[in-house]
Amino acid sequence: MNKNNPKCRNCKERFNKLNIKPLSVNQAWQGKRFKTPKYNKFQREMLSMLPKLKCDFTGNLKVSIHYGFSSKLSDIDNPCKLVLDCLVKKYRFDDRQIYELIQTKEIVKKGQEFIEFNIVQL
């Protein structure tokens, strides 16, 4: 993020909401090495939904993710790696740059699942 770019200051205040159900790690992999068709579909859909951001994500980053799950049994950490992998791929930063990760969840009605995220430079 370029601190001199006024468009980047808005990134600190705005969450970007994606109306997509978070996918768990268990649903993503077949055995140890192969992505499931469900994960491939999730990744394609999420990448197509991610907005273009004018920020240059360099340096140390803070990532906030808010999930809307329809099941009270959903673990907050299950979709984390999958969501981060999509963010890294779209916005071209390395997940080693993430020094702060905040995850929150809420329970929503079935069919209203979502993922919200925010990325800021520390």
N, C-alpha and C. Protein backbone atom coordinates (compact mmCIF):
# COMPACT_ATOMS: atom_id res chain seq x y z
N MET A 1 0.84 -1.18 0.00
CA MET A 1 0.00 0.00 0.00
C MET A 1 0.89 1.23 0.00
N ASN A 2 0.57 2.16 -0.84
CA ASN A 2 1.30 3.41 -0.92
C ASN A 2 0.62 4.40 0.00
N LYS A 3 1.32 4.83 1.05
CA LYS A 3 0.71 5.72 2.04
C LYS A 3 0.38 7.09 1.45
N ASN A 4 1.02 7.46 0.33
CA ASN A 4 0.74 8.75 -0.29
C ASN A 4 -0.45 8.69 -1.23
N ASN A 5 -0.96 7.52 -1.49
CA ASN A 5 -2.09 7.36 -2.40
C ASN A 5 -3.38 7.49 -1.60
N PRO A 6 -4.19 8.52 -1.84
CA PRO A 6 -5.41 8.71 -1.05
C PRO A 6 -6.41 7.56 -1.22
N LYS A 7 -6.36 6.86 -2.34
CA LYS A 7 -7.27 5.73 -2.54
C LYS A 7 -6.96 4.60 -1.57
N CYS A 8 -5.71 4.47 -1.19
CA CYS A 8 -5.31 3.40 -0.28
C CYS A 8 -5.81 3.64 1.15
N ARG A 9 -5.97 4.91 1.54
CA ARG A 9 -6.46 5.18 2.89
C ARG A 9 -7.85 4.60 3.09
N ASN A 10 -8.64 4.54 2.04
CA ASN A 10 -9.99 3.98 2.13
C ASN A 10 -9.95 2.49 2.44
N CYS A 11 -8.88 1.80 2.04
CA CYS A 11 -8.79 0.36 2.29
C CYS A 11 -8.80 0.06 3.78
N LYS A 12 -8.29 0.97 4.60
CA LYS A 12 -8.24 0.74 6.04
C LYS A 12 -9.64 0.75 6.65
N GLU A 13 -10.57 1.40 6.00
CA GLU A 13 -11.89 1.59 6.58
C GLU A 13 -12.96 0.70 5.96
N ARG A 14 -12.68 0.09 4.84
CA ARG A 14 -13.71 -0.62 4.09
C ARG A 14 -13.46 -2.12 4.10
N PHE A 15 -14.47 -2.88 4.43
CA PHE A 15 -14.44 -4.32 4.27
C PHE A 15 -15.06 -4.64 2.92
N ASN A 16 -14.53 -5.64 2.28
CA ASN A 16 -15.06 -6.09 1.00
C ASN A 16 -15.81 -7.38 1.23
N LYS A 17 -17.09 -7.39 0.91
CA LYS A 17 -17.95 -8.54 1.19
C LYS A 17 -18.12 -9.39 -0.06
N LEU A 18 -17.96 -10.69 0.10
CA LEU A 18 -18.19 -11.65 -0.97
C LEU A 18 -19.30 -12.59 -0.54
N ASN A 19 -20.31 -12.73 -1.32
CA ASN A 19 -21.43 -13.62 -0.99
C ASN A 19 -21.11 -15.03 -1.47
N ILE A 20 -20.22 -15.68 -0.73
CA ILE A 20 -19.80 -17.04 -1.03
C ILE A 20 -19.64 -17.79 0.28
N LYS A 21 -20.10 -19.03 0.30
CA LYS A 21 -20.00 -19.84 1.51
C LYS A 21 -18.55 -20.24 1.74
N PRO A 22 -17.99 -20.01 2.94
CA PRO A 22 -16.63 -20.44 3.23
C PRO A 22 -16.50 -21.96 3.12
N LEU A 23 -15.44 -22.41 2.48
CA LEU A 23 -15.19 -23.84 2.28
C LEU A 23 -14.17 -24.30 3.31
N SER A 24 -14.41 -25.44 3.91
CA SER A 24 -13.48 -25.94 4.93
C SER A 24 -12.32 -26.68 4.28
N VAL A 25 -11.27 -26.85 5.05
CA VAL A 25 -10.10 -27.59 4.58
C VAL A 25 -10.50 -29.02 4.22
N ASN A 26 -11.37 -29.61 5.01
CA ASN A 26 -11.80 -30.99 4.75
C ASN A 26 -12.49 -31.12 3.40
N GLN A 27 -13.18 -30.08 2.97
CA GLN A 27 -13.86 -30.12 1.69
C GLN A 27 -12.92 -29.79 0.52
N ALA A 28 -11.73 -29.32 0.82
CA ALA A 28 -10.84 -28.82 -0.21
C ALA A 28 -9.85 -29.85 -0.77
N TRP A 29 -9.46 -30.81 0.02
CA TRP A 29 -8.39 -31.69 -0.39
C TRP A 29 -8.83 -33.15 -0.43
N GLN A 30 -8.32 -33.88 -1.41
CA GLN A 30 -8.52 -35.32 -1.51
C GLN A 30 -7.21 -35.95 -1.06
N GLY A 31 -7.24 -36.62 0.06
CA GLY A 31 -5.99 -37.17 0.57
C GLY A 31 -5.04 -36.05 0.95
N LYS A 32 -3.78 -36.19 0.62
CA LYS A 32 -2.78 -35.21 1.01
C LYS A 32 -2.41 -34.24 -0.10
N ARG A 33 -2.64 -34.57 -1.36
CA ARG A 33 -2.06 -33.78 -2.43
C ARG A 33 -3.03 -33.19 -3.43
N PHE A 34 -4.24 -33.64 -3.49
CA PHE A 34 -5.10 -33.26 -4.59
C PHE A 34 -6.27 -32.39 -4.14
N LYS A 35 -6.45 -31.28 -4.84
CA LYS A 35 -7.61 -30.42 -4.57
C LYS A 35 -8.86 -31.13 -5.05
N THR A 36 -9.94 -30.98 -4.28
CA THR A 36 -11.21 -31.56 -4.70
C THR A 36 -11.83 -30.67 -5.78
N PRO A 37 -12.75 -31.23 -6.56
CA PRO A 37 -13.48 -30.40 -7.52
C PRO A 37 -14.22 -29.26 -6.82
N LYS A 38 -14.69 -29.50 -5.60
CA LYS A 38 -15.39 -28.47 -4.84
C LYS A 38 -14.46 -27.29 -4.51
N TYR A 39 -13.22 -27.60 -4.15
CA TYR A 39 -12.25 -26.54 -3.87
C TYR A 39 -11.88 -25.78 -5.14
N ASN A 40 -11.67 -26.49 -6.24
CA ASN A 40 -11.36 -25.82 -7.51
C ASN A 40 -12.47 -24.86 -7.90
N LYS A 41 -13.72 -25.28 -7.71
CA LYS A 41 -14.87 -24.42 -8.03
C LYS A 41 -14.90 -23.21 -7.09
N PHE A 42 -14.70 -23.44 -5.79
CA PHE A 42 -14.67 -22.36 -4.81
C PHE A 42 -13.60 -21.34 -5.18
N GLN A 43 -12.40 -21.82 -5.52
CA GLN A 43 -11.29 -20.92 -5.84
C GLN A 43 -11.61 -20.10 -7.09
N ARG A 44 -12.15 -20.73 -8.13
CA ARG A 44 -12.52 -19.99 -9.35
C ARG A 44 -13.56 -18.93 -9.04
N GLU A 45 -14.59 -19.30 -8.26
CA GLU A 45 -15.66 -18.35 -7.94
C GLU A 45 -15.15 -17.20 -7.09
N MET A 46 -14.35 -17.52 -6.08
CA MET A 46 -13.86 -16.46 -5.20
C MET A 46 -12.94 -15.51 -5.96
N LEU A 47 -12.03 -16.05 -6.76
CA LEU A 47 -11.13 -15.19 -7.54
C LEU A 47 -11.90 -14.28 -8.49
N SER A 48 -12.98 -14.78 -9.05
CA SER A 48 -13.77 -13.94 -9.96
C SER A 48 -14.56 -12.86 -9.21
N MET A 49 -14.86 -13.09 -7.94
CA MET A 49 -15.63 -12.14 -7.13
C MET A 49 -14.75 -11.06 -6.47
N LEU A 50 -13.49 -11.36 -6.27
CA LEU A 50 -12.62 -10.41 -5.57
C LEU A 50 -12.51 -9.11 -6.36
N PRO A 51 -12.71 -7.99 -5.68
CA PRO A 51 -12.63 -6.70 -6.39
C PRO A 51 -11.19 -6.33 -6.72
N LYS A 52 -11.05 -5.50 -7.74
CA LYS A 52 -9.73 -4.94 -8.04
C LYS A 52 -9.44 -3.89 -6.99
N LEU A 53 -8.27 -3.96 -6.41
CA LEU A 53 -7.85 -2.98 -5.41
C LEU A 53 -6.66 -2.21 -5.96
N LYS A 54 -6.62 -0.93 -5.68
CA LYS A 54 -5.56 -0.07 -6.20
C LYS A 54 -4.35 -0.02 -5.27
N CYS A 55 -4.35 -0.84 -4.25
CA CYS A 55 -3.26 -0.83 -3.28
C CYS A 55 -2.13 -1.75 -3.72
N ASP A 56 -0.92 -1.36 -3.38
CA ASP A 56 0.25 -2.18 -3.60
C ASP A 56 0.62 -2.77 -2.25
N PHE A 57 0.37 -4.06 -2.06
CA PHE A 57 0.57 -4.69 -0.77
C PHE A 57 2.03 -5.11 -0.59
N THR A 58 2.82 -4.19 -0.04
CA THR A 58 4.21 -4.47 0.27
C THR A 58 4.41 -4.32 1.77
N GLY A 59 5.45 -4.88 2.28
CA GLY A 59 5.72 -4.77 3.71
C GLY A 59 4.84 -5.71 4.52
N ASN A 60 4.78 -5.44 5.82
CA ASN A 60 4.01 -6.27 6.74
C ASN A 60 2.53 -5.93 6.63
N LEU A 61 1.69 -6.97 6.67
CA LEU A 61 0.27 -6.79 6.46
C LEU A 61 -0.56 -7.29 7.64
N LYS A 62 -1.73 -6.71 7.77
CA LYS A 62 -2.76 -7.17 8.70
C LYS A 62 -3.95 -7.57 7.84
N VAL A 63 -4.43 -8.79 8.03
CA VAL A 63 -5.58 -9.30 7.28
C VAL A 63 -6.70 -9.59 8.28
N SER A 64 -7.86 -9.04 8.00
CA SER A 64 -9.06 -9.31 8.80
C SER A 64 -10.06 -10.06 7.92
N ILE A 65 -10.59 -11.15 8.45
CA ILE A 65 -11.58 -11.94 7.72
C ILE A 65 -12.77 -12.17 8.62
N HIS A 66 -13.95 -11.90 8.10
CA HIS A 66 -15.21 -12.12 8.84
C HIS A 66 -16.04 -13.09 8.02
N TYR A 67 -16.43 -14.20 8.65
CA TYR A 67 -17.19 -15.24 7.97
C TYR A 67 -18.65 -15.21 8.41
N GLY A 68 -19.52 -15.48 7.48
CA GLY A 68 -20.92 -15.73 7.78
C GLY A 68 -21.19 -17.20 7.52
N PHE A 69 -21.29 -17.98 8.58
CA PHE A 69 -21.55 -19.42 8.49
C PHE A 69 -23.03 -19.69 8.75
N SER A 70 -23.56 -20.70 8.08
CA SER A 70 -24.94 -21.08 8.35
C SER A 70 -25.04 -22.21 9.38
N SER A 71 -23.92 -22.77 9.77
CA SER A 71 -23.92 -23.84 10.77
C SER A 71 -23.16 -23.39 12.01
N LYS A 72 -23.76 -23.63 13.17
CA LYS A 72 -23.09 -23.32 14.43
C LYS A 72 -21.90 -24.24 14.67
N LEU A 73 -21.81 -25.33 13.94
CA LEU A 73 -20.72 -26.28 14.08
C LEU A 73 -19.47 -25.89 13.29
N SER A 74 -19.55 -24.85 12.48
CA SER A 74 -18.42 -24.44 11.63
C SER A 74 -17.26 -23.91 12.48
N ASP A 75 -16.09 -24.45 12.21
CA ASP A 75 -14.87 -23.98 12.88
C ASP A 75 -14.36 -22.74 12.18
N ILE A 76 -13.98 -21.74 12.94
CA ILE A 76 -13.52 -20.47 12.37
C ILE A 76 -12.22 -20.63 11.59
N ASP A 77 -11.39 -21.60 11.95
CA ASP A 77 -10.09 -21.73 11.30
C ASP A 77 -10.12 -22.59 10.03
N ASN A 78 -11.20 -23.33 9.79
CA ASN A 78 -11.22 -24.23 8.64
C ASN A 78 -11.04 -23.53 7.29
N PRO A 79 -11.74 -22.45 6.99
CA PRO A 79 -11.56 -21.85 5.65
C PRO A 79 -10.39 -20.89 5.55
N CYS A 80 -9.68 -20.64 6.62
CA CYS A 80 -8.64 -19.61 6.65
C CYS A 80 -7.61 -19.79 5.53
N LYS A 81 -6.99 -20.93 5.44
CA LYS A 81 -5.94 -21.16 4.45
C LYS A 81 -6.48 -21.00 3.03
N LEU A 82 -7.69 -21.46 2.80
CA LEU A 82 -8.28 -21.39 1.46
C LEU A 82 -8.53 -19.95 1.05
N VAL A 83 -9.06 -19.16 1.99
CA VAL A 83 -9.33 -17.75 1.72
C VAL A 83 -8.02 -16.99 1.52
N LEU A 84 -7.05 -17.23 2.40
CA LEU A 84 -5.75 -16.56 2.26
C LEU A 84 -5.08 -16.90 0.94
N ASP A 85 -5.16 -18.16 0.52
CA ASP A 85 -4.56 -18.54 -0.76
C ASP A 85 -5.17 -17.77 -1.92
N CYS A 86 -6.48 -17.55 -1.88
CA CYS A 86 -7.15 -16.77 -2.93
C CYS A 86 -6.72 -15.30 -2.88
N LEU A 87 -6.64 -14.73 -1.68
CA LEU A 87 -6.21 -13.33 -1.55
C LEU A 87 -4.78 -13.15 -2.06
N VAL A 88 -3.91 -14.07 -1.71
CA VAL A 88 -2.52 -14.02 -2.14
C VAL A 88 -2.43 -14.10 -3.67
N LYS A 89 -3.19 -15.00 -4.24
CA LYS A 89 -3.16 -15.18 -5.69
C LYS A 89 -3.68 -13.94 -6.42
N LYS A 90 -4.77 -13.36 -5.94
CA LYS A 90 -5.38 -12.20 -6.60
C LYS A 90 -4.55 -10.93 -6.42
N TYR A 91 -4.08 -10.68 -5.20
CA TYR A 91 -3.45 -9.41 -4.90
C TYR A 91 -1.92 -9.46 -4.89
N ARG A 92 -1.37 -10.64 -5.20
CA ARG A 92 0.07 -10.80 -5.44
C ARG A 92 0.96 -10.36 -4.28
N PHE A 93 0.61 -10.80 -3.11
CA PHE A 93 1.52 -10.65 -1.97
C PHE A 93 1.83 -12.04 -1.46
N ASP A 94 2.78 -12.14 -0.58
CA ASP A 94 3.18 -13.43 -0.03
C ASP A 94 2.57 -13.55 1.36
N ASP A 95 2.00 -14.71 1.67
CA ASP A 95 1.37 -14.85 2.99
C ASP A 95 2.38 -14.75 4.13
N ARG A 96 3.65 -14.80 3.84
CA ARG A 96 4.67 -14.55 4.87
C ARG A 96 4.67 -13.09 5.32
N GLN A 97 4.06 -12.22 4.52
CA GLN A 97 3.96 -10.80 4.87
C GLN A 97 2.90 -10.55 5.92
N ILE A 98 2.05 -11.52 6.19
CA ILE A 98 0.96 -11.34 7.15
C ILE A 98 1.52 -11.49 8.56
N TYR A 99 1.45 -10.39 9.32
CA TYR A 99 1.93 -10.37 10.68
C TYR A 99 0.80 -10.28 11.69
N GLU A 100 -0.38 -9.97 11.19
CA GLU A 100 -1.55 -9.93 12.07
C GLU A 100 -2.72 -10.49 11.28
N LEU A 101 -3.42 -11.45 11.90
CA LEU A 101 -4.57 -12.09 11.26
C LEU A 101 -5.71 -12.09 12.26
N ILE A 102 -6.81 -11.47 11.88
CA ILE A 102 -7.99 -11.42 12.73
C ILE A 102 -9.12 -12.15 12.02
N GLN A 103 -9.74 -13.10 12.71
CA GLN A 103 -10.87 -13.83 12.14
C GLN A 103 -12.05 -13.73 13.10
N THR A 104 -13.20 -13.45 12.54
CA THR A 104 -14.44 -13.42 13.31
C THR A 104 -15.50 -14.16 12.51
N LYS A 105 -16.54 -14.58 13.23
CA LYS A 105 -17.63 -15.27 12.53
C LYS A 105 -18.96 -14.88 13.13
N GLU A 106 -19.98 -15.07 12.34
CA GLU A 106 -21.36 -14.94 12.81
C GLU A 106 -22.18 -16.03 12.14
N ILE A 107 -23.29 -16.35 12.75
CA ILE A 107 -24.18 -17.36 12.20
C ILE A 107 -25.28 -16.65 11.42
N VAL A 108 -25.48 -17.10 10.18
CA VAL A 108 -26.49 -16.51 9.30
C VAL A 108 -27.42 -17.62 8.79
N LYS A 109 -28.49 -17.22 8.15
CA LYS A 109 -29.41 -18.19 7.58
C LYS A 109 -28.76 -18.91 6.41
N LYS A 110 -29.14 -20.16 6.21
CA LYS A 110 -28.63 -20.95 5.09
C LYS A 110 -28.91 -20.20 3.78
N GLY A 111 -27.91 -20.14 2.93
CA GLY A 111 -28.03 -19.42 1.67
C GLY A 111 -27.54 -17.98 1.75
N GLN A 112 -27.24 -17.50 2.98
CA GLN A 112 -26.76 -16.13 3.16
C GLN A 112 -25.30 -16.10 3.64
N GLU A 113 -24.57 -17.19 3.41
CA GLU A 113 -23.17 -17.28 3.82
C GLU A 113 -22.34 -16.22 3.08
N PHE A 114 -21.27 -15.78 3.71
CA PHE A 114 -20.41 -14.77 3.10
C PHE A 114 -19.02 -14.80 3.69
N ILE A 115 -18.13 -14.08 3.02
CA ILE A 115 -16.78 -13.82 3.51
C ILE A 115 -16.54 -12.33 3.30
N GLU A 116 -16.10 -11.64 4.36
CA GLU A 116 -15.67 -10.25 4.26
C GLU A 116 -14.19 -10.23 4.61
N PHE A 117 -13.46 -9.34 3.95
CA PHE A 117 -12.02 -9.25 4.26
C PHE A 117 -11.54 -7.82 4.15
N ASN A 118 -10.42 -7.58 4.79
CA ASN A 118 -9.74 -6.30 4.72
C ASN A 118 -8.24 -6.57 4.83
N ILE A 119 -7.46 -5.88 4.03
CA ILE A 119 -6.00 -6.01 4.05
C ILE A 119 -5.42 -4.63 4.21
N VAL A 120 -4.56 -4.44 5.22
CA VAL A 120 -3.90 -3.15 5.41
C VAL A 120 -2.42 -3.38 5.72
N GLN A 121 -1.65 -2.39 5.37
CA GLN A 121 -0.22 -2.44 5.68
C GLN A 121 -0.02 -1.93 7.11
N LEU A 122 0.80 -2.64 7.86
CA LEU A 122 1.10 -2.23 9.24
C LEU A 122 2.11 -1.12 9.26
